[in-house]
Amino acid sequence: MNTKELQKYLKEHLVPSKLYKIGGSHKNRICLDKTESGWAVYFMDKKDKIGLMNFVDEASACSRMKDELRKLMELMYGLTWAKAR
């Protein structure tokens, strides 16, 4: 999965865009961003990156972000989708 496919997937599953940012960072959101050495997934709290996870490839980063958003949707709204195998 790449970032475009992830964005499409999140829209199809009605994940509010206020929960995430793909391609950059935004406070109080789960972010997926390209770095010099690969990809990063983290929660942006004001100016701090919390729970920073680095990945060498886009597919792994997208998979982790999808999983983190699935957990967040379940916690916040009691809604989820099946975990990918």
PDB file of N, CA and C in Angstrom:
ATOM      1  N   MET A   1       0.853  -1.180   0.000  1.00  0.00           N
ATOM      2  CA  MET A   1       0.000   0.000   0.000  1.00  0.00           C
ATOM      3  C   MET A   1       0.897   1.240   0.000  1.00  0.00           C
ATOM      4  N   ASN A   2       0.526   2.220  -0.790  1.00  0.00           N
ATOM      5  CA  ASN A   2       1.257   3.489  -0.781  1.00  0.00           C
ATOM      6  C   ASN A   2       0.362   4.576  -0.176  1.00  0.00           C
ATOM      7  N   THR A   3       0.863   5.799  -0.101  1.00  0.00           N
ATOM      8  CA  THR A   3       0.119   6.869   0.570  1.00  0.00           C
ATOM      9  C   THR A   3      -1.194   7.203  -0.141  1.00  0.00           C
ATOM     10  N   LYS A   4      -1.208   7.155  -1.461  1.00  0.00           N
ATOM     11  CA  LYS A   4      -2.453   7.443  -2.185  1.00  0.00           C
ATOM     12  C   LYS A   4      -3.504   6.377  -1.902  1.00  0.00           C
ATOM     13  N   GLU A   5      -3.081   5.132  -1.883  1.00  0.00           N
ATOM     14  CA  GLU A   5      -4.004   4.039  -1.577  1.00  0.00           C
ATOM     15  C   GLU A   5      -4.494   4.138  -0.134  1.00  0.00           C
ATOM     16  N   LEU A   6      -3.604   4.528   0.765  1.00  0.00           N
ATOM     17  CA  LEU A   6      -3.986   4.699   2.170  1.00  0.00           C
ATOM     18  C   LEU A   6      -5.026   5.807   2.311  1.00  0.00           C
ATOM     19  N   GLN A   7      -4.809   6.937   1.655  1.00  0.00           N
ATOM     20  CA  GLN A   7      -5.783   8.029   1.717  1.00  0.00           C
ATOM     21  C   GLN A   7      -7.143   7.576   1.211  1.00  0.00           C
ATOM     22  N   LYS A   8      -7.163   6.853   0.122  1.00  0.00           N
ATOM     23  CA  LYS A   8      -8.413   6.337  -0.432  1.00  0.00           C
ATOM     24  C   LYS A   8      -9.080   5.387   0.559  1.00  0.00           C
ATOM     25  N   TYR A   9      -8.301   4.500   1.146  1.00  0.00           N
ATOM     26  CA  TYR A   9      -8.816   3.535   2.116  1.00  0.00           C
ATOM     27  C   TYR A   9      -9.435   4.246   3.318  1.00  0.00           C
ATOM     28  N   LEU A  10      -8.741   5.247   3.838  1.00  0.00           N
ATOM     29  CA  LEU A  10      -9.245   5.971   5.003  1.00  0.00           C
ATOM     30  C   LEU A  10     -10.535   6.717   4.688  1.00  0.00           C
ATOM     31  N   LYS A  11     -10.623   7.293   3.507  1.00  0.00           N
ATOM     32  CA  LYS A  11     -11.868   7.962   3.098  1.00  0.00           C
ATOM     33  C   LYS A  11     -13.011   6.966   2.978  1.00  0.00           C
ATOM     34  N   GLU A  12     -12.726   5.816   2.366  1.00  0.00           N
ATOM     35  CA  GLU A  12     -13.752   4.785   2.202  1.00  0.00           C
ATOM     36  C   GLU A  12     -14.261   4.264   3.548  1.00  0.00           C
ATOM     37  N   HIS A  13     -13.391   4.265   4.555  1.00  0.00           N
ATOM     38  CA  HIS A  13     -13.761   3.775   5.877  1.00  0.00           C
ATOM     39  C   HIS A  13     -14.167   4.911   6.830  1.00  0.00           C
ATOM     40  N   LEU A  14     -14.398   6.093   6.250  1.00  0.00           N
ATOM     41  CA  LEU A  14     -14.934   7.247   6.976  1.00  0.00           C
ATOM     42  C   LEU A  14     -14.100   7.669   8.183  1.00  0.00           C
ATOM     43  N   VAL A  15     -12.772   7.577   8.052  1.00  0.00           N
ATOM     44  CA  VAL A  15     -11.886   8.040   9.112  1.00  0.00           C
ATOM     45  C   VAL A  15     -11.800   9.560   8.999  1.00  0.00           C
ATOM     46  N   PRO A  16     -12.180  10.292  10.046  1.00  0.00           N
ATOM     47  CA  PRO A  16     -12.145  11.762   9.977  1.00  0.00           C
ATOM     48  C   PRO A  16     -10.736  12.282   9.710  1.00  0.00           C
ATOM     49  N   SER A  17     -10.627  13.201   8.774  1.00  0.00           N
ATOM     50  CA  SER A  17      -9.310  13.746   8.421  1.00  0.00           C
ATOM     51  C   SER A  17      -8.670  14.517   9.575  1.00  0.00           C
ATOM     52  N   LYS A  18      -9.454  14.886  10.590  1.00  0.00           N
ATOM     53  CA  LYS A  18      -8.893  15.582  11.743  1.00  0.00           C
ATOM     54  C   LYS A  18      -8.041  14.660  12.619  1.00  0.00           C
ATOM     55  N   LEU A  19      -8.045  13.367  12.319  1.00  0.00           N
ATOM     56  CA  LEU A  19      -7.254  12.417  13.107  1.00  0.00           C
ATOM     57  C   LEU A  19      -5.870  12.164  12.530  1.00  0.00           C
ATOM     58  N   TYR A  20      -5.646  12.522  11.266  1.00  0.00           N
ATOM     59  CA  TYR A  20      -4.376  12.161  10.638  1.00  0.00           C
ATOM     60  C   TYR A  20      -3.893  13.219   9.645  1.00  0.00           C
ATOM     61  N   LYS A  21      -2.602  13.102   9.331  1.00  0.00           N
ATOM     62  CA  LYS A  21      -1.983  13.950   8.313  1.00  0.00           C
ATOM     63  C   LYS A  21      -1.003  13.076   7.541  1.00  0.00           C
ATOM     64  N   ILE A  22      -1.181  12.999   6.248  1.00  0.00           N
ATOM     65  CA  ILE A  22      -0.272  12.237   5.388  1.00  0.00           C
ATOM     66  C   ILE A  22       0.560  13.239   4.602  1.00  0.00           C
ATOM     67  N   GLY A  23       1.878  13.101   4.707  1.00  0.00           N
ATOM     68  CA  GLY A  23       2.769  14.004   3.992  1.00  0.00           C
ATOM     69  C   GLY A  23       3.016  15.291   4.745  1.00  0.00           C
ATOM     70  N   GLY A  24       3.485  15.180   5.950  1.00  0.00           N
ATOM     71  CA  GLY A  24       3.765  16.352   6.770  1.00  0.00           C
ATOM     72  C   GLY A  24       3.313  16.111   8.187  1.00  0.00           C
ATOM     73  N   SER A  25       3.296  17.175   8.962  1.00  0.00           N
ATOM     74  CA  SER A  25       2.856  17.028  10.349  1.00  0.00           C
ATOM     75  C   SER A  25       1.833  18.110  10.683  1.00  0.00           C
ATOM     76  N   HIS A  26       1.006  17.802  11.657  1.00  0.00           N
ATOM     77  CA  HIS A  26      -0.027  18.718  12.117  1.00  0.00           C
ATOM     78  C   HIS A  26      -0.315  18.360  13.554  1.00  0.00           C
ATOM     79  N   LYS A  27      -0.412  19.354  14.427  1.00  0.00           N
ATOM     80  CA  LYS A  27      -0.576  19.045  15.848  1.00  0.00           C
ATOM     81  C   LYS A  27      -1.866  18.282  16.133  1.00  0.00           C
ATOM     82  N   ASN A  28      -1.761  17.404  17.115  1.00  0.00           N
ATOM     83  CA  ASN A  28      -2.867  16.564  17.573  1.00  0.00           C
ATOM     84  C   ASN A  28      -3.382  15.599  16.512  1.00  0.00           C
ATOM     85  N   ARG A  29      -2.473  15.111  15.668  1.00  0.00           N
ATOM     86  CA  ARG A  29      -2.838  14.130  14.645  1.00  0.00           C
ATOM     87  C   ARG A  29      -1.772  13.044  14.545  1.00  0.00           C
ATOM     88  N   ILE A  30      -2.187  11.885  14.067  1.00  0.00           N
ATOM     89  CA  ILE A  30      -1.228  10.850  13.709  1.00  0.00           C
ATOM     90  C   ILE A  30      -0.695  11.225  12.336  1.00  0.00           C
ATOM     91  N   CYS A  31       0.609  11.246  12.210  1.00  0.00           N
ATOM     92  CA  CYS A  31       1.239  11.744  10.983  1.00  0.00           C
ATOM     93  C   CYS A  31       2.070  10.660  10.297  1.00  0.00           C
ATOM     94  N   LEU A  32       2.072  10.720   8.984  1.00  0.00           N
ATOM     95  CA  LEU A  32       2.912   9.869   8.147  1.00  0.00           C
ATOM     96  C   LEU A  32       3.711  10.810   7.270  1.00  0.00           C
ATOM     97  N   ASP A  33       5.028  10.689   7.347  1.00  0.00           N
ATOM     98  CA  ASP A  33       5.868  11.658   6.652  1.00  0.00           C
ATOM     99  C   ASP A  33       7.090  10.971   6.054  1.00  0.00           C
ATOM    100  N   LYS A  34       7.510  11.433   4.894  1.00  0.00           N
ATOM    101  CA  LYS A  34       8.737  10.942   4.270  1.00  0.00           C
ATOM    102  C   LYS A  34       9.914  11.635   4.932  1.00  0.00           C
ATOM    103  N   THR A  35      10.942  10.851   5.249  1.00  0.00           N
ATOM    104  CA  THR A  35      12.149  11.393   5.866  1.00  0.00           C
ATOM    105  C   THR A  35      13.332  11.152   4.940  1.00  0.00           C
ATOM    106  N   GLU A  36      14.501  11.626   5.359  1.00  0.00           N
ATOM    107  CA  GLU A  36      15.709  11.416   4.556  1.00  0.00           C
ATOM    108  C   GLU A  36      16.060   9.936   4.435  1.00  0.00           C
ATOM    109  N   SER A  37      15.781   9.174   5.486  1.00  0.00           N
ATOM    110  CA  SER A  37      16.168   7.761   5.490  1.00  0.00           C
ATOM    111  C   SER A  37      15.003   6.796   5.257  1.00  0.00           C
ATOM    112  N   GLY A  38      13.815   7.297   5.005  1.00  0.00           N
ATOM    113  CA  GLY A  38      12.672   6.420   4.775  1.00  0.00           C
ATOM    114  C   GLY A  38      11.357   7.109   5.090  1.00  0.00           C
ATOM    115  N   TRP A  39      10.599   6.523   6.024  1.00  0.00           N
ATOM    116  CA  TRP A  39       9.276   7.015   6.387  1.00  0.00           C
ATOM    117  C   TRP A  39       9.115   7.016   7.888  1.00  0.00           C
ATOM    118  N   ALA A  40       8.260   7.887   8.403  1.00  0.00           N
ATOM    119  CA  ALA A  40       8.023   7.977   9.840  1.00  0.00           C
ATOM    120  C   ALA A  40       6.523   8.075  10.116  1.00  0.00           C
ATOM    121  N   VAL A  41       6.106   7.426  11.203  1.00  0.00           N
ATOM    122  CA  VAL A  41       4.739   7.519  11.702  1.00  0.00           C
ATOM    123  C   VAL A  41       4.851   7.948  13.153  1.00  0.00           C
ATOM    124  N   TYR A  42       4.047   8.947  13.549  1.00  0.00           N
ATOM    125  CA  TYR A  42       4.123   9.481  14.907  1.00  0.00           C
ATOM    126  C   TYR A  42       2.868  10.282  15.218  1.00  0.00           C
ATOM    127  N   PHE A  43       2.697  10.589  16.494  1.00  0.00           N
ATOM    128  CA  PHE A  43       1.635  11.497  16.921  1.00  0.00           C
ATOM    129  C   PHE A  43       2.286  12.837  17.198  1.00  0.00           C
ATOM    130  N   MET A  44       1.751  13.892  16.619  1.00  0.00           N
ATOM    131  CA  MET A  44       2.297  15.229  16.804  1.00  0.00           C
ATOM    132  C   MET A  44       1.520  15.939  17.903  1.00  0.00           C
ATOM    133  N   ASP A  45       2.201  16.234  18.996  1.00  0.00           N
ATOM    134  CA  ASP A  45       1.604  16.923  20.134  1.00  0.00           C
ATOM    135  C   ASP A  45       2.297  18.271  20.264  1.00  0.00           C
ATOM    136  N   LYS A  46       1.617  19.312  19.882  1.00  0.00           N
ATOM    137  CA  LYS A  46       2.189  20.655  19.823  1.00  0.00           C
ATOM    138  C   LYS A  46       3.416  20.607  18.919  1.00  0.00           C
ATOM    139  N   LYS A  47       4.631  20.623  19.495  1.00  0.00           N
ATOM    140  CA  LYS A  47       5.839  20.589  18.667  1.00  0.00           C
ATOM    141  C   LYS A  47       6.639  19.305  18.844  1.00  0.00           C
ATOM    142  N   ASP A  48       6.102  18.348  19.602  1.00  0.00           N
ATOM    143  CA  ASP A  48       6.815  17.101  19.887  1.00  0.00           C
ATOM    144  C   ASP A  48       6.241  15.936  19.099  1.00  0.00           C
ATOM    145  N   LYS A  49       7.146  15.108  18.572  1.00  0.00           N
ATOM    146  CA  LYS A  49       6.748  13.870  17.900  1.00  0.00           C
ATOM    147  C   LYS A  49       6.746  12.768  18.951  1.00  0.00           C
ATOM    148  N   ILE A  50       5.577  12.249  19.249  1.00  0.00           N
ATOM    149  CA  ILE A  50       5.427  11.223  20.273  1.00  0.00           C
ATOM    150  C   ILE A  50       5.259   9.864  19.603  1.00  0.00           C
ATOM    151  N   GLY A  51       5.961   8.860  20.131  1.00  0.00           N
ATOM    152  CA  GLY A  51       5.847   7.504  19.594  1.00  0.00           C
ATOM    153  C   GLY A  51       6.412   7.362  18.199  1.00  0.00           C
ATOM    154  N   LEU A  52       7.486   8.073  17.921  1.00  0.00           N
ATOM    155  CA  LEU A  52       8.090   8.073  16.585  1.00  0.00           C
ATOM    156  C   LEU A  52       8.517   6.664  16.173  1.00  0.00           C
ATOM    157  N   MET A  53       8.019   6.214  15.027  1.00  0.00           N
ATOM    158  CA  MET A  53       8.377   4.915  14.454  1.00  0.00           C
ATOM    159  C   MET A  53       8.926   5.159  13.057  1.00  0.00           C
ATOM    160  N   ASN A  54      10.134   4.673  12.799  1.00  0.00           N
ATOM    161  CA  ASN A  54      10.773   4.847  11.500  1.00  0.00           C
ATOM    162  C   ASN A  54      10.690   3.563  10.687  1.00  0.00           C
ATOM    163  N   PHE A  55      10.500   3.727   9.381  1.00  0.00           N
ATOM    164  CA  PHE A  55      10.373   2.595   8.472  1.00  0.00           C
ATOM    165  C   PHE A  55      11.238   2.846   7.241  1.00  0.00           C
ATOM    166  N   VAL A  56      11.767   1.764   6.658  1.00  0.00           N
ATOM    167  CA  VAL A  56      12.598   1.929   5.467  1.00  0.00           C
ATOM    168  C   VAL A  56      11.772   2.003   4.193  1.00  0.00           C
ATOM    169  N   ASP A  57      10.520   1.495   4.250  1.00  0.00           N
ATOM    170  CA  ASP A  57       9.707   1.517   3.035  1.00  0.00           C
ATOM    171  C   ASP A  57       8.311   2.095   3.305  1.00  0.00           C
ATOM    172  N   GLU A  58       7.733   2.603   2.264  1.00  0.00           N
ATOM    173  CA  GLU A  58       6.416   3.259   2.324  1.00  0.00           C
ATOM    174  C   GLU A  58       5.307   2.297   2.737  1.00  0.00           C
ATOM    175  N   ALA A  59       5.338   1.076   2.230  1.00  0.00           N
ATOM    176  CA  ALA A  59       4.277   0.105   2.520  1.00  0.00           C
ATOM    177  C   ALA A  59       4.210  -0.216   4.012  1.00  0.00           C
ATOM    178  N   SER A  60       5.354  -0.383   4.655  1.00  0.00           N
ATOM    179  CA  SER A  60       5.375  -0.678   6.097  1.00  0.00           C
ATOM    180  C   SER A  60       4.840   0.492   6.902  1.00  0.00           C
ATOM    181  N   ALA A  61       5.211   1.692   6.521  1.00  0.00           N
ATOM    182  CA  ALA A  61       4.745   2.892   7.221  1.00  0.00           C
ATOM    183  C   ALA A  61       3.226   3.053   7.053  1.00  0.00           C
ATOM    184  N   CYS A  62       2.728   2.833   5.859  1.00  0.00           N
ATOM    185  CA  CYS A  62       1.289   2.953   5.608  1.00  0.00           C
ATOM    186  C   CYS A  62       0.511   1.903   6.406  1.00  0.00           C
ATOM    187  N   SER A  63       1.032   0.698   6.456  1.00  0.00           N
ATOM    188  CA  SER A  63       0.390  -0.370   7.212  1.00  0.00           C
ATOM    189  C   SER A  63       0.313  -0.023   8.696  1.00  0.00           C
ATOM    190  N   ARG A  64       1.397   0.520   9.255  1.00  0.00           N
ATOM    191  CA  ARG A  64       1.409   0.886  10.669  1.00  0.00           C
ATOM    192  C   ARG A  64       0.446   2.038  10.935  1.00  0.00           C
ATOM    193  N   MET A  65       0.421   3.031  10.041  1.00  0.00           N
ATOM    194  CA  MET A  65      -0.489   4.152  10.244  1.00  0.00           C
ATOM    195  C   MET A  65      -1.942   3.676  10.207  1.00  0.00           C
ATOM    196  N   LYS A  66      -2.249   2.795   9.263  1.00  0.00           N
ATOM    197  CA  LYS A  66      -3.602   2.252   9.167  1.00  0.00           C
ATOM    198  C   LYS A  66      -3.965   1.525  10.464  1.00  0.00           C
ATOM    199  N   ASP A  67      -3.044   0.763  11.008  1.00  0.00           N
ATOM    200  CA  ASP A  67      -3.290   0.038  12.249  1.00  0.00           C
ATOM    201  C   ASP A  67      -3.482   0.995  13.425  1.00  0.00           C
ATOM    202  N   GLU A  68      -2.664   2.038  13.503  1.00  0.00           N
ATOM    203  CA  GLU A  68      -2.790   3.023  14.583  1.00  0.00           C
ATOM    204  C   GLU A  68      -4.126   3.762  14.492  1.00  0.00           C
ATOM    205  N   LEU A  69      -4.549   4.106  13.294  1.00  0.00           N
ATOM    206  CA  LEU A  69      -5.835   4.784  13.121  1.00  0.00           C
ATOM    207  C   LEU A  69      -7.003   3.847  13.421  1.00  0.00           C
ATOM    208  N   ARG A  70      -6.849   2.572  13.108  1.00  0.00           N
ATOM    209  CA  ARG A  70      -7.886   1.595  13.443  1.00  0.00           C
ATOM    210  C   ARG A  70      -8.079   1.544  14.958  1.00  0.00           C
ATOM    211  N   LYS A  71      -6.968   1.496  15.699  1.00  0.00           N
ATOM    212  CA  LYS A  71      -7.047   1.471  17.165  1.00  0.00           C
ATOM    213  C   LYS A  71      -7.668   2.758  17.708  1.00  0.00           C
ATOM    214  N   LEU A  72      -7.286   3.890  17.150  1.00  0.00           N
ATOM    215  CA  LEU A  72      -7.820   5.171  17.593  1.00  0.00           C
ATOM    216  C   LEU A  72      -9.322   5.276  17.324  1.00  0.00           C
ATOM    217  N   MET A  73      -9.758   4.820  16.159  1.00  0.00           N
ATOM    218  CA  MET A  73     -11.187   4.839  15.826  1.00  0.00           C
ATOM    219  C   MET A  73     -11.980   3.971  16.803  1.00  0.00           C
ATOM    220  N   GLU A  74     -11.393   2.841  17.172  1.00  0.00           N
ATOM    221  CA  GLU A  74     -12.072   1.956  18.113  1.00  0.00           C
ATOM    222  C   GLU A  74     -12.179   2.607  19.489  1.00  0.00           C
ATOM    223  N   LEU A  75     -11.108   3.250  19.935  1.00  0.00           N
ATOM    224  CA  LEU A  75     -11.122   3.925  21.232  1.00  0.00           C
ATOM    225  C   LEU A  75     -12.080   5.110  21.264  1.00  0.00           C
ATOM    226  N   MET A  76     -12.041   5.936  20.236  1.00  0.00           N
ATOM    227  CA  MET A  76     -12.823   7.166  20.228  1.00  0.00           C
ATOM    228  C   MET A  76     -14.291   6.947  19.881  1.00  0.00           C
ATOM    229  N   TYR A  77     -14.548   6.095  18.906  1.00  0.00           N
ATOM    230  CA  TYR A  77     -15.897   5.987  18.359  1.00  0.00           C
ATOM    231  C   TYR A  77     -16.522   4.602  18.519  1.00  0.00           C
ATOM    232  N   GLY A  78     -15.744   3.631  18.987  1.00  0.00           N
ATOM    233  CA  GLY A  78     -16.262   2.278  19.102  1.00  0.00           C
ATOM    234  C   GLY A  78     -16.434   1.603  17.750  1.00  0.00           C
ATOM    235  N   LEU A  79     -15.785   2.149  16.728  1.00  0.00           N
ATOM    236  CA  LEU A  79     -15.873   1.622  15.367  1.00  0.00           C
ATOM    237  C   LEU A  79     -14.515   1.124  14.923  1.00  0.00           C
ATOM    238  N   THR A  80     -14.506   0.092  14.133  1.00  0.00           N
ATOM    239  CA  THR A  80     -13.242  -0.409  13.601  1.00  0.00           C
ATOM    240  C   THR A  80     -13.504  -1.181  12.327  1.00  0.00           C
ATOM    241  N   TRP A  81     -12.444  -1.607  11.695  1.00  0.00           N
ATOM    242  CA  TRP A  81     -12.524  -2.488  10.535  1.00  0.00           C
ATOM    243  C   TRP A  81     -11.613  -3.663  10.839  1.00  0.00           C
ATOM    244  N   ALA A  82     -11.750  -4.725  10.081  1.00  0.00           N
ATOM    245  CA  ALA A  82     -10.957  -5.925  10.321  1.00  0.00           C
ATOM    246  C   ALA A  82      -9.480  -5.619  10.137  1.00  0.00           C
ATOM    247  N   LYS A  83      -8.661  -6.152  11.032  1.00  0.00           N
ATOM    248  CA  LYS A  83      -7.214  -5.976  10.921  1.00  0.00           C
ATOM    249  C   LYS A  83      -6.701  -6.771   9.731  1.00  0.00           C
ATOM    250  N   ALA A  84      -5.880  -6.135   8.904  1.00  0.00           N
ATOM    251  CA  ALA A  84      -5.316  -6.801   7.723  1.00  0.00           C
ATOM    252  C   ALA A  84      -4.341  -7.889   8.164  1.00  0.00           C
ATOM    253  N   ARG A  85      -4.347  -8.982   7.422  1.00  0.00           N
ATOM    254  CA  ARG A  85      -3.439 -10.090   7.752  1.00  0.00           C
ATOM    255  C   ARG A  85      -2.232 -10.077   6.870  1.00  0.00           C
TER     256      ARG A  85
END
